[in-house]
Amino acid sequence: MISTVLQDLFGGKAAEAVLLSLFHQGEAYGRAVSRDFGVSLDSVQRQLDRFERSGALVCKQLGRTLVYSWNPKSRVAARLRELVGVAYDGLGPEVKEVVFQARRQPRAKDKPVIRR
């Protein structure tokens, strides 16, 4: 669907999907990234594991789901996040709207839905 320099730098669509999703959401889990970007779950999970082993990401378990986020103690993670931010800013608003349309948090009760 989309292609950025991240795909070329990190060797595949799954790495790009993981990094963009983490930048946009702040945290991510494998199935959501797989569903949003149309990438196989297995390849997404391998990328998440690889980034965690490198120290760029940290993982916590919520029920049976492993949720990944940026490692706040890693200087490499901070620089990687800046690099992903450059690629993310290069995406058009229509691309962001299509790829990141799924809500990850529940809407507050009685909050109106605003369509743009």
N, C-alpha and C. Protein backbone atom coordinates (compact mmCIF):
# COMPACT_ATOMS: atom_id res chain seq x y z
N MET A 1 0.82 -1.19 0.00
CA MET A 1 0.00 0.00 0.00
C MET A 1 0.86 1.25 0.00
N ILE A 2 1.77 1.39 0.99
CA ILE A 2 2.65 2.55 1.02
C ILE A 2 4.09 2.05 0.96
N SER A 3 4.96 2.90 0.58
CA SER A 3 6.38 2.56 0.55
C SER A 3 7.17 3.80 0.90
N THR A 4 8.03 3.67 1.89
CA THR A 4 8.88 4.77 2.31
C THR A 4 10.32 4.30 2.30
N VAL A 5 11.21 5.19 2.62
CA VAL A 5 12.63 4.87 2.68
C VAL A 5 12.90 3.82 3.77
N LEU A 6 12.01 3.71 4.76
CA LEU A 6 12.19 2.74 5.83
C LEU A 6 12.21 1.32 5.29
N GLN A 7 11.40 1.07 4.28
CA GLN A 7 11.35 -0.26 3.68
C GLN A 7 12.71 -0.62 3.08
N ASP A 8 13.36 0.32 2.43
CA ASP A 8 14.67 0.07 1.85
C ASP A 8 15.75 -0.04 2.92
N LEU A 9 15.68 0.80 3.94
CA LEU A 9 16.70 0.79 4.99
C LEU A 9 16.67 -0.46 5.85
N PHE A 10 15.48 -0.92 6.19
CA PHE A 10 15.36 -2.03 7.12
C PHE A 10 15.01 -3.35 6.46
N GLY A 11 14.94 -3.37 5.15
CA GLY A 11 14.84 -4.62 4.43
C GLY A 11 13.48 -5.25 4.29
N GLY A 12 12.43 -4.50 4.43
CA GLY A 12 11.13 -5.10 4.17
C GLY A 12 9.95 -4.29 4.65
N LYS A 13 8.81 -4.72 4.18
CA LYS A 13 7.55 -4.05 4.49
C LYS A 13 7.16 -4.23 5.95
N ALA A 14 7.48 -5.38 6.53
CA ALA A 14 7.10 -5.63 7.93
C ALA A 14 7.82 -4.66 8.87
N ALA A 15 9.10 -4.42 8.64
CA ALA A 15 9.85 -3.49 9.48
C ALA A 15 9.28 -2.08 9.35
N GLU A 16 8.98 -1.69 8.12
CA GLU A 16 8.38 -0.38 7.89
C GLU A 16 7.03 -0.27 8.62
N ALA A 17 6.22 -1.30 8.53
CA ALA A 17 4.91 -1.30 9.17
C ALA A 17 5.04 -1.18 10.69
N VAL A 18 5.95 -1.93 11.26
CA VAL A 18 6.16 -1.89 12.72
C VAL A 18 6.59 -0.49 13.15
N LEU A 19 7.56 0.07 12.47
CA LEU A 19 8.08 1.38 12.88
C LEU A 19 7.06 2.50 12.71
N LEU A 20 6.35 2.50 11.59
CA LEU A 20 5.33 3.54 11.38
C LEU A 20 4.19 3.41 12.38
N SER A 21 3.79 2.19 12.66
CA SER A 21 2.71 1.96 13.61
C SER A 21 3.11 2.41 15.02
N LEU A 22 4.33 2.07 15.41
CA LEU A 22 4.82 2.50 16.72
C LEU A 22 4.90 4.02 16.81
N PHE A 23 5.34 4.65 15.74
CA PHE A 23 5.43 6.11 15.76
C PHE A 23 4.05 6.74 15.88
N HIS A 24 3.09 6.21 15.14
CA HIS A 24 1.75 6.79 15.14
C HIS A 24 1.00 6.51 16.44
N GLN A 25 1.04 5.26 16.90
CA GLN A 25 0.24 4.86 18.06
C GLN A 25 0.96 5.04 19.40
N GLY A 26 2.30 4.96 19.38
CA GLY A 26 3.04 5.00 20.63
C GLY A 26 3.34 3.61 21.15
N GLU A 27 2.45 2.69 20.89
CA GLU A 27 2.66 1.27 21.22
C GLU A 27 1.88 0.44 20.21
N ALA A 28 2.30 -0.80 20.07
CA ALA A 28 1.67 -1.64 19.04
C ALA A 28 1.77 -3.10 19.44
N TYR A 29 0.89 -3.89 18.85
CA TYR A 29 0.98 -5.35 18.99
C TYR A 29 0.86 -5.96 17.60
N GLY A 30 1.38 -7.15 17.47
CA GLY A 30 1.55 -7.78 16.17
C GLY A 30 0.32 -7.84 15.30
N ARG A 31 -0.78 -8.32 15.84
CA ARG A 31 -1.98 -8.51 15.02
C ARG A 31 -2.51 -7.18 14.47
N ALA A 32 -2.45 -6.12 15.26
CA ALA A 32 -2.94 -4.82 14.80
C ALA A 32 -2.07 -4.28 13.66
N VAL A 33 -0.76 -4.42 13.78
CA VAL A 33 0.14 -3.96 12.73
C VAL A 33 -0.11 -4.76 11.46
N SER A 34 -0.25 -6.06 11.63
CA SER A 34 -0.50 -6.95 10.49
C SER A 34 -1.79 -6.57 9.77
N ARG A 35 -2.82 -6.30 10.53
CA ARG A 35 -4.12 -5.96 9.95
C ARG A 35 -4.09 -4.58 9.28
N ASP A 36 -3.47 -3.61 9.91
CA ASP A 36 -3.43 -2.25 9.36
C ASP A 36 -2.66 -2.17 8.05
N PHE A 37 -1.55 -2.89 7.95
CA PHE A 37 -0.68 -2.77 6.80
C PHE A 37 -0.80 -3.91 5.80
N GLY A 38 -1.58 -4.94 6.10
CA GLY A 38 -1.73 -6.06 5.18
C GLY A 38 -0.46 -6.88 5.04
N VAL A 39 0.29 -7.01 6.13
CA VAL A 39 1.53 -7.78 6.16
C VAL A 39 1.26 -9.03 7.00
N SER A 40 1.95 -10.13 6.70
CA SER A 40 1.71 -11.37 7.44
C SER A 40 2.08 -11.20 8.91
N LEU A 41 1.30 -11.81 9.77
CA LEU A 41 1.49 -11.72 11.21
C LEU A 41 2.85 -12.28 11.61
N ASP A 42 3.27 -13.36 11.00
CA ASP A 42 4.55 -13.98 11.33
C ASP A 42 5.72 -13.02 11.08
N SER A 43 5.70 -12.35 9.94
CA SER A 43 6.80 -11.42 9.64
C SER A 43 6.79 -10.21 10.57
N VAL A 44 5.62 -9.75 10.95
CA VAL A 44 5.51 -8.63 11.89
C VAL A 44 6.07 -9.04 13.25
N GLN A 45 5.70 -10.23 13.72
CA GLN A 45 6.18 -10.69 15.02
C GLN A 45 7.69 -10.89 15.02
N ARG A 46 8.25 -11.36 13.92
CA ARG A 46 9.71 -11.51 13.82
C ARG A 46 10.39 -10.14 13.91
N GLN A 47 9.82 -9.13 13.23
CA GLN A 47 10.39 -7.79 13.28
C GLN A 47 10.30 -7.20 14.68
N LEU A 48 9.16 -7.37 15.33
CA LEU A 48 9.01 -6.87 16.70
C LEU A 48 10.05 -7.52 17.61
N ASP A 49 10.24 -8.82 17.47
CA ASP A 49 11.22 -9.54 18.27
C ASP A 49 12.64 -9.04 17.97
N ARG A 50 12.94 -8.82 16.72
CA ARG A 50 14.27 -8.33 16.32
C ARG A 50 14.54 -6.94 16.90
N PHE A 51 13.55 -6.04 16.82
CA PHE A 51 13.73 -4.70 17.38
C PHE A 51 13.84 -4.75 18.91
N GLU A 52 13.15 -5.68 19.54
CA GLU A 52 13.26 -5.82 21.00
C GLU A 52 14.64 -6.34 21.39
N ARG A 53 15.14 -7.34 20.66
CA ARG A 53 16.48 -7.88 20.94
C ARG A 53 17.56 -6.81 20.77
N SER A 54 17.36 -5.90 19.83
CA SER A 54 18.34 -4.84 19.59
C SER A 54 18.29 -3.75 20.67
N GLY A 55 17.24 -3.74 21.47
CA GLY A 55 17.10 -2.75 22.53
C GLY A 55 16.30 -1.53 22.15
N ALA A 56 15.83 -1.45 20.92
CA ALA A 56 15.07 -0.29 20.48
C ALA A 56 13.65 -0.29 21.03
N LEU A 57 13.10 -1.48 21.28
CA LEU A 57 11.74 -1.61 21.79
C LEU A 57 11.75 -2.38 23.10
N VAL A 58 10.72 -2.15 23.88
CA VAL A 58 10.47 -2.95 25.08
C VAL A 58 9.08 -3.56 24.94
N CYS A 59 8.88 -4.63 25.67
CA CYS A 59 7.64 -5.40 25.53
C CYS A 59 7.02 -5.60 26.90
N LYS A 60 5.70 -5.55 26.95
CA LYS A 60 4.98 -5.90 28.18
C LYS A 60 3.83 -6.81 27.78
N GLN A 61 3.42 -7.65 28.69
CA GLN A 61 2.35 -8.58 28.40
C GLN A 61 1.06 -8.10 29.05
N LEU A 62 0.02 -7.96 28.22
CA LEU A 62 -1.32 -7.61 28.70
C LEU A 62 -2.23 -8.78 28.37
N GLY A 63 -2.54 -9.59 29.36
CA GLY A 63 -3.28 -10.82 29.09
C GLY A 63 -2.40 -11.75 28.28
N ARG A 64 -2.87 -12.14 27.11
CA ARG A 64 -2.07 -12.99 26.24
C ARG A 64 -1.39 -12.20 25.13
N THR A 65 -1.56 -10.89 25.13
CA THR A 65 -1.04 -10.04 24.06
C THR A 65 0.27 -9.38 24.49
N LEU A 66 1.27 -9.43 23.62
CA LEU A 66 2.53 -8.73 23.84
C LEU A 66 2.42 -7.35 23.20
N VAL A 67 2.56 -6.31 24.00
CA VAL A 67 2.46 -4.94 23.53
C VAL A 67 3.85 -4.32 23.56
N TYR A 68 4.27 -3.77 22.43
CA TYR A 68 5.60 -3.20 22.27
C TYR A 68 5.52 -1.67 22.25
N SER A 69 6.57 -1.05 22.80
CA SER A 69 6.68 0.40 22.76
C SER A 69 8.16 0.77 22.65
N TRP A 70 8.43 2.04 22.41
CA TRP A 70 9.81 2.50 22.31
C TRP A 70 10.50 2.35 23.66
N ASN A 71 11.77 1.98 23.65
CA ASN A 71 12.55 1.84 24.87
C ASN A 71 12.98 3.22 25.34
N PRO A 72 12.44 3.70 26.47
CA PRO A 72 12.78 5.06 26.91
C PRO A 72 14.22 5.20 27.39
N LYS A 73 14.89 4.09 27.68
CA LYS A 73 16.27 4.13 28.17
C LYS A 73 17.31 4.03 27.06
N SER A 74 16.88 3.80 25.85
CA SER A 74 17.80 3.57 24.75
C SER A 74 18.01 4.84 23.92
N ARG A 75 19.26 5.23 23.76
CA ARG A 75 19.56 6.38 22.91
C ARG A 75 19.35 6.02 21.45
N VAL A 76 19.59 4.76 21.11
CA VAL A 76 19.36 4.31 19.73
C VAL A 76 17.88 4.41 19.39
N ALA A 77 17.02 4.04 20.34
CA ALA A 77 15.58 4.10 20.10
C ALA A 77 15.14 5.54 19.86
N ALA A 78 15.72 6.48 20.57
CA ALA A 78 15.37 7.89 20.40
C ALA A 78 15.75 8.36 19.00
N ARG A 79 16.93 7.99 18.53
CA ARG A 79 17.37 8.38 17.19
C ARG A 79 16.55 7.68 16.11
N LEU A 80 16.23 6.41 16.35
CA LEU A 80 15.40 5.66 15.39
C LEU A 80 14.02 6.30 15.29
N ARG A 81 13.49 6.71 16.42
CA ARG A 81 12.18 7.36 16.42
C ARG A 81 12.20 8.66 15.62
N GLU A 82 13.29 9.41 15.73
CA GLU A 82 13.44 10.64 14.94
C GLU A 82 13.47 10.33 13.45
N LEU A 83 14.19 9.28 13.07
CA LEU A 83 14.27 8.88 11.67
C LEU A 83 12.90 8.46 11.15
N VAL A 84 12.18 7.70 11.94
CA VAL A 84 10.83 7.27 11.54
C VAL A 84 9.92 8.49 11.43
N GLY A 85 10.10 9.46 12.30
CA GLY A 85 9.31 10.68 12.25
C GLY A 85 9.47 11.43 10.94
N VAL A 86 10.67 11.43 10.39
CA VAL A 86 10.91 12.08 9.11
C VAL A 86 10.12 11.37 8.01
N ALA A 87 10.16 10.04 8.01
CA ALA A 87 9.41 9.27 7.00
C ALA A 87 7.91 9.43 7.21
N TYR A 88 7.47 9.45 8.47
CA TYR A 88 6.05 9.60 8.78
C TYR A 88 5.52 10.96 8.32
N ASP A 89 6.31 12.00 8.52
CA ASP A 89 5.90 13.33 8.09
C ASP A 89 5.79 13.44 6.58
N GLY A 90 6.51 12.58 5.87
CA GLY A 90 6.45 12.58 4.41
C GLY A 90 5.21 11.92 3.85
N LEU A 91 4.47 11.19 4.69
CA LEU A 91 3.22 10.56 4.24
C LEU A 91 2.13 11.63 4.14
N GLY A 92 1.33 11.53 3.12
CA GLY A 92 0.22 12.46 2.97
C GLY A 92 -0.89 12.16 3.96
N PRO A 93 -1.72 13.15 4.26
CA PRO A 93 -2.82 12.94 5.21
C PRO A 93 -3.80 11.87 4.75
N GLU A 94 -4.00 11.75 3.43
CA GLU A 94 -4.92 10.72 2.94
C GLU A 94 -4.36 9.32 3.17
N VAL A 95 -3.05 9.15 3.08
CA VAL A 95 -2.43 7.85 3.34
C VAL A 95 -2.53 7.51 4.82
N LYS A 96 -2.26 8.48 5.67
CA LYS A 96 -2.37 8.25 7.12
C LYS A 96 -3.79 7.88 7.51
N GLU A 97 -4.76 8.53 6.89
CA GLU A 97 -6.16 8.27 7.22
C GLU A 97 -6.57 6.85 6.82
N VAL A 98 -6.07 6.38 5.69
CA VAL A 98 -6.40 5.02 5.23
C VAL A 98 -5.71 3.97 6.09
N VAL A 99 -4.43 4.15 6.35
CA VAL A 99 -3.66 3.14 7.06
C VAL A 99 -4.00 3.10 8.55
N PHE A 100 -4.19 4.24 9.18
CA PHE A 100 -4.40 4.30 10.61
C PHE A 100 -5.85 4.63 10.96
N GLN A 101 -6.79 4.06 10.26
CA GLN A 101 -8.19 4.40 10.49
C GLN A 101 -8.79 3.68 11.70
N ALA A 102 -8.24 2.52 12.07
CA ALA A 102 -8.81 1.76 13.18
C ALA A 102 -8.50 2.44 14.51
N ARG A 103 -9.53 2.57 15.36
CA ARG A 103 -9.35 3.16 16.68
C ARG A 103 -8.75 2.12 17.61
N ARG A 104 -7.81 2.51 18.45
CA ARG A 104 -7.17 1.60 19.39
C ARG A 104 -7.69 1.79 20.81
N GLN A 105 -8.38 2.89 21.07
CA GLN A 105 -8.90 3.14 22.39
C GLN A 105 -10.38 3.44 22.29
N PRO A 106 -11.14 3.05 23.31
CA PRO A 106 -12.58 3.30 23.25
C PRO A 106 -12.91 4.78 23.32
N ARG A 107 -13.99 5.14 22.66
CA ARG A 107 -14.46 6.52 22.67
C ARG A 107 -15.20 6.77 23.99
N ALA A 108 -15.03 7.96 24.52
CA ALA A 108 -15.70 8.33 25.76
C ALA A 108 -17.22 8.34 25.56
N LYS A 109 -17.95 7.97 26.58
CA LYS A 109 -19.40 7.95 26.52
C LYS A 109 -19.92 9.36 26.25
N ASP A 110 -20.89 9.45 25.36
CA ASP A 110 -21.54 10.70 24.97
C ASP A 110 -20.63 11.67 24.20
N LYS A 111 -19.49 11.21 23.74
CA LYS A 111 -18.63 12.07 22.94
C LYS A 111 -19.09 12.00 21.49
N PRO A 112 -19.32 13.15 20.85
CA PRO A 112 -19.81 13.12 19.47
C PRO A 112 -18.72 12.65 18.50
N VAL A 113 -19.15 12.01 17.43
CA VAL A 113 -18.23 11.58 16.39
C VAL A 113 -18.13 12.72 15.38
N ILE A 114 -16.94 13.21 15.14
CA ILE A 114 -16.72 14.31 14.20
C ILE A 114 -16.11 13.73 12.94
N ARG A 115 -16.79 13.89 11.83
CA ARG A 115 -16.28 13.41 10.52
C ARG A 115 -15.68 14.57 9.78
N ARG A 116 -14.55 14.31 9.13
CA ARG A 116 -13.90 15.37 8.35
C ARG A 116 -14.08 15.12 6.91
